Amino acid sequence: GCAGGLLSNCTSFSAFFIYKFTSDKFQGGDGSEVVGNLAADVPKGSQPKLYSVFSWGTPGGSDGHTGVILGIHGDTVIVGQASCGSTGSGAGDGVTYNDGAAIIRIGKINDGAAYFGTVPTHFAYPRNVNVNAIQEYINAAS
């Protein structure tokens, strides 16, 4: 249902992170289903941790939302996520909601604004996150 298509939505962003930087597998679904649709042996919990993937929303009831915790410092969280683009381009400015772009939001860990509206309570903790691969990817994009 995203006007920006599958290449510019939140699920694509989380799936990209999982496949590119971890050894875990994602079995599809919408934003509300990402945590539940990771392999059964992926640890899950209710607290954000570095590189955890979150879901919020009602599976089967709404698209919900998903993203990746990229940093935590005290009560501040850095969240990587994407929005559905209304233009279909997948471009955007990187900070505007609903502009079809992967974006970073920084906010208080208990403030829904950092996660596009709702503080998530469903997190998956991917195993074997390849931090070197993340750094190489960032360096290549610079």
Protein backbone atom coordinates (compact mmCIF):
# COMPACT_ATOMS: atom_id res chain seq x y z
CA GLY A 1 0.00 0.00 0.00
CA CYS A 2 2.97 2.40 -0.07
CA ALA A 3 2.91 4.85 -2.95
CA GLY A 4 6.71 4.76 -2.99
CA GLY A 5 6.72 1.01 -3.56
CA LEU A 6 8.67 -1.72 -1.88
CA LEU A 7 12.03 -0.04 -2.33
CA SER A 8 11.19 2.94 -0.14
CA ASN A 9 9.27 1.57 2.82
CA CYS A 10 10.18 0.75 6.38
CA THR A 11 10.06 -3.02 5.91
CA SER A 12 12.56 -2.81 3.06
CA PHE A 13 14.91 -0.79 5.25
CA SER A 14 14.83 -3.30 8.12
CA ALA A 15 15.12 -6.25 5.72
CA PHE A 16 18.14 -4.60 4.06
CA PHE A 17 19.84 -4.16 7.44
CA ILE A 18 19.14 -7.75 8.47
CA TYR A 19 20.37 -9.30 5.21
CA LYS A 20 23.34 -6.98 4.66
CA PHE A 21 24.76 -6.82 8.17
CA THR A 22 23.62 -9.92 10.11
CA SER A 23 23.41 -13.67 9.66
CA ASP A 24 19.66 -13.72 10.39
CA LYS A 25 16.77 -14.15 7.96
CA PHE A 26 13.52 -12.21 7.60
CA GLN A 27 10.42 -13.97 6.34
CA GLY A 28 8.46 -10.98 5.00
CA GLY A 29 5.45 -9.08 6.26
CA ASP A 30 4.61 -5.49 7.01
CA GLY A 31 6.18 -3.15 9.58
CA SER A 32 4.12 -4.55 12.45
CA GLU A 33 5.28 -8.10 11.66
CA VAL A 34 9.05 -7.74 11.18
CA VAL A 35 10.11 -8.76 14.70
CA GLY A 36 7.69 -11.69 14.76
CA ASN A 37 8.76 -12.83 11.30
CA LEU A 38 12.46 -13.08 12.05
CA ALA A 39 13.72 -16.61 12.55
CA ALA A 40 12.39 -18.18 15.77
CA ASP A 41 15.89 -18.45 17.26
CA VAL A 42 16.55 -14.68 17.03
CA PRO A 43 16.36 -13.33 20.60
CA LYS A 44 13.47 -10.96 21.25
CA GLY A 45 12.48 -8.61 24.04
CA SER A 46 10.83 -5.38 25.04
CA GLN A 47 13.81 -3.01 25.38
CA PRO A 48 15.81 -1.26 22.67
CA LYS A 49 19.43 -2.32 22.33
CA LEU A 50 22.11 -1.30 19.84
CA TYR A 51 21.30 -2.76 16.39
CA SER A 52 17.97 -4.14 17.52
CA VAL A 53 15.10 -4.14 15.06
CA PHE A 54 11.69 -2.96 16.27
CA SER A 55 8.08 -3.36 15.20
CA TRP A 56 5.00 -1.52 16.32
CA GLY A 57 1.40 -1.83 15.22
CA THR A 58 -1.10 -4.68 15.18
CA PRO A 59 -0.05 -7.61 12.95
CA GLY A 60 -2.79 -8.16 10.40
CA GLY A 61 -4.54 -4.97 11.50
CA SER A 62 -2.31 -2.18 10.23
CA ASP A 63 0.93 -1.70 8.35
CA GLY A 64 2.62 -0.55 11.55
CA HIS A 65 6.25 0.47 11.43
CA THR A 66 9.74 -0.97 11.76
CA GLY A 67 13.27 0.36 12.00
CA VAL A 68 16.71 -0.25 13.45
CA ILE A 69 18.28 1.18 16.61
CA LEU A 70 21.59 2.64 15.43
CA GLY A 71 22.66 4.20 18.68
CA ILE A 72 21.73 4.72 22.32
CA HIS A 73 23.32 7.32 24.56
CA GLY A 74 21.70 7.66 27.98
CA ASP A 75 18.02 8.39 27.29
CA THR A 76 18.63 9.37 23.65
CA VAL A 77 18.09 6.97 20.78
CA ILE A 78 19.22 7.13 17.14
CA VAL A 79 16.77 5.30 14.87
CA GLY A 80 17.28 4.34 11.23
CA GLN A 81 14.05 3.85 9.30
CA ALA A 82 12.27 4.62 6.05
CA SER A 83 8.92 6.02 5.07
CA CYS A 84 6.58 5.28 2.22
CA GLY A 85 7.09 7.91 -0.41
CA SER A 86 4.06 9.62 -1.84
CA THR A 87 5.99 10.52 -5.00
CA GLY A 88 7.02 6.96 -5.81
CA SER A 89 10.60 8.07 -6.32
CA GLY A 90 12.19 6.62 -3.21
CA ALA A 91 14.32 9.76 -3.03
CA GLY A 92 13.46 12.43 -0.50
CA ASP A 93 15.56 14.65 1.71
CA GLY A 94 16.41 12.09 4.41
CA VAL A 95 14.59 13.83 7.24
CA THR A 96 11.01 14.43 6.10
CA TYR A 97 8.40 11.84 7.02
CA ASN A 98 6.50 10.33 4.08
CA ASP A 99 9.07 11.52 1.58
CA GLY A 100 10.22 8.09 0.37
CA ALA A 101 13.62 8.04 1.98
CA ALA A 102 15.67 6.19 4.52
CA ILE A 103 16.04 8.61 7.39
CA ILE A 104 17.65 8.97 10.80
CA ARG A 105 15.63 10.30 13.73
CA ILE A 106 17.17 11.23 17.06
CA GLY A 107 15.02 11.60 20.14
CA LYS A 108 14.29 10.47 23.65
CA ILE A 109 14.14 6.71 24.05
CA ASN A 110 10.62 6.92 25.50
CA ASP A 111 9.24 9.43 22.96
CA GLY A 112 7.21 8.04 20.07
CA ALA A 113 8.44 10.79 17.73
CA ALA A 114 11.81 9.04 17.41
CA TYR A 115 9.97 5.96 16.05
CA PHE A 116 7.34 7.76 13.92
CA GLY A 117 4.58 7.81 16.47
CA THR A 118 4.69 4.92 18.92
CA VAL A 119 7.31 3.77 21.39
CA PRO A 120 7.86 0.15 20.38
CA THR A 121 7.72 -2.73 22.84
CA HIS A 122 8.71 -5.47 20.38
CA PHE A 123 12.40 -5.75 19.57
CA ALA A 124 14.53 -8.44 17.95
CA TYR A 125 18.22 -8.65 18.74
CA PRO A 126 20.02 -9.86 15.61
CA ARG A 127 22.98 -12.09 16.18
CA ASN A 128 26.38 -11.62 14.60
CA VAL A 129 25.95 -8.00 13.54
CA ASN A 130 28.90 -7.26 11.26
CA VAL A 131 29.97 -3.81 12.48
CA ASN A 132 32.93 -3.76 10.06
CA ALA A 133 30.54 -4.27 7.12
CA ILE A 134 28.41 -1.37 8.38
CA GLN A 135 31.49 0.87 8.52
CA GLU A 136 32.62 -0.22 5.05
CA TYR A 137 29.16 0.52 3.65
CA ILE A 138 29.15 3.98 5.22
CA ASN A 139 32.65 4.71 3.93
CA ALA A 140 31.72 3.60 0.41
CA ALA A 141 28.71 5.90 0.41
CA SER A 142 30.76 8.91 1.53
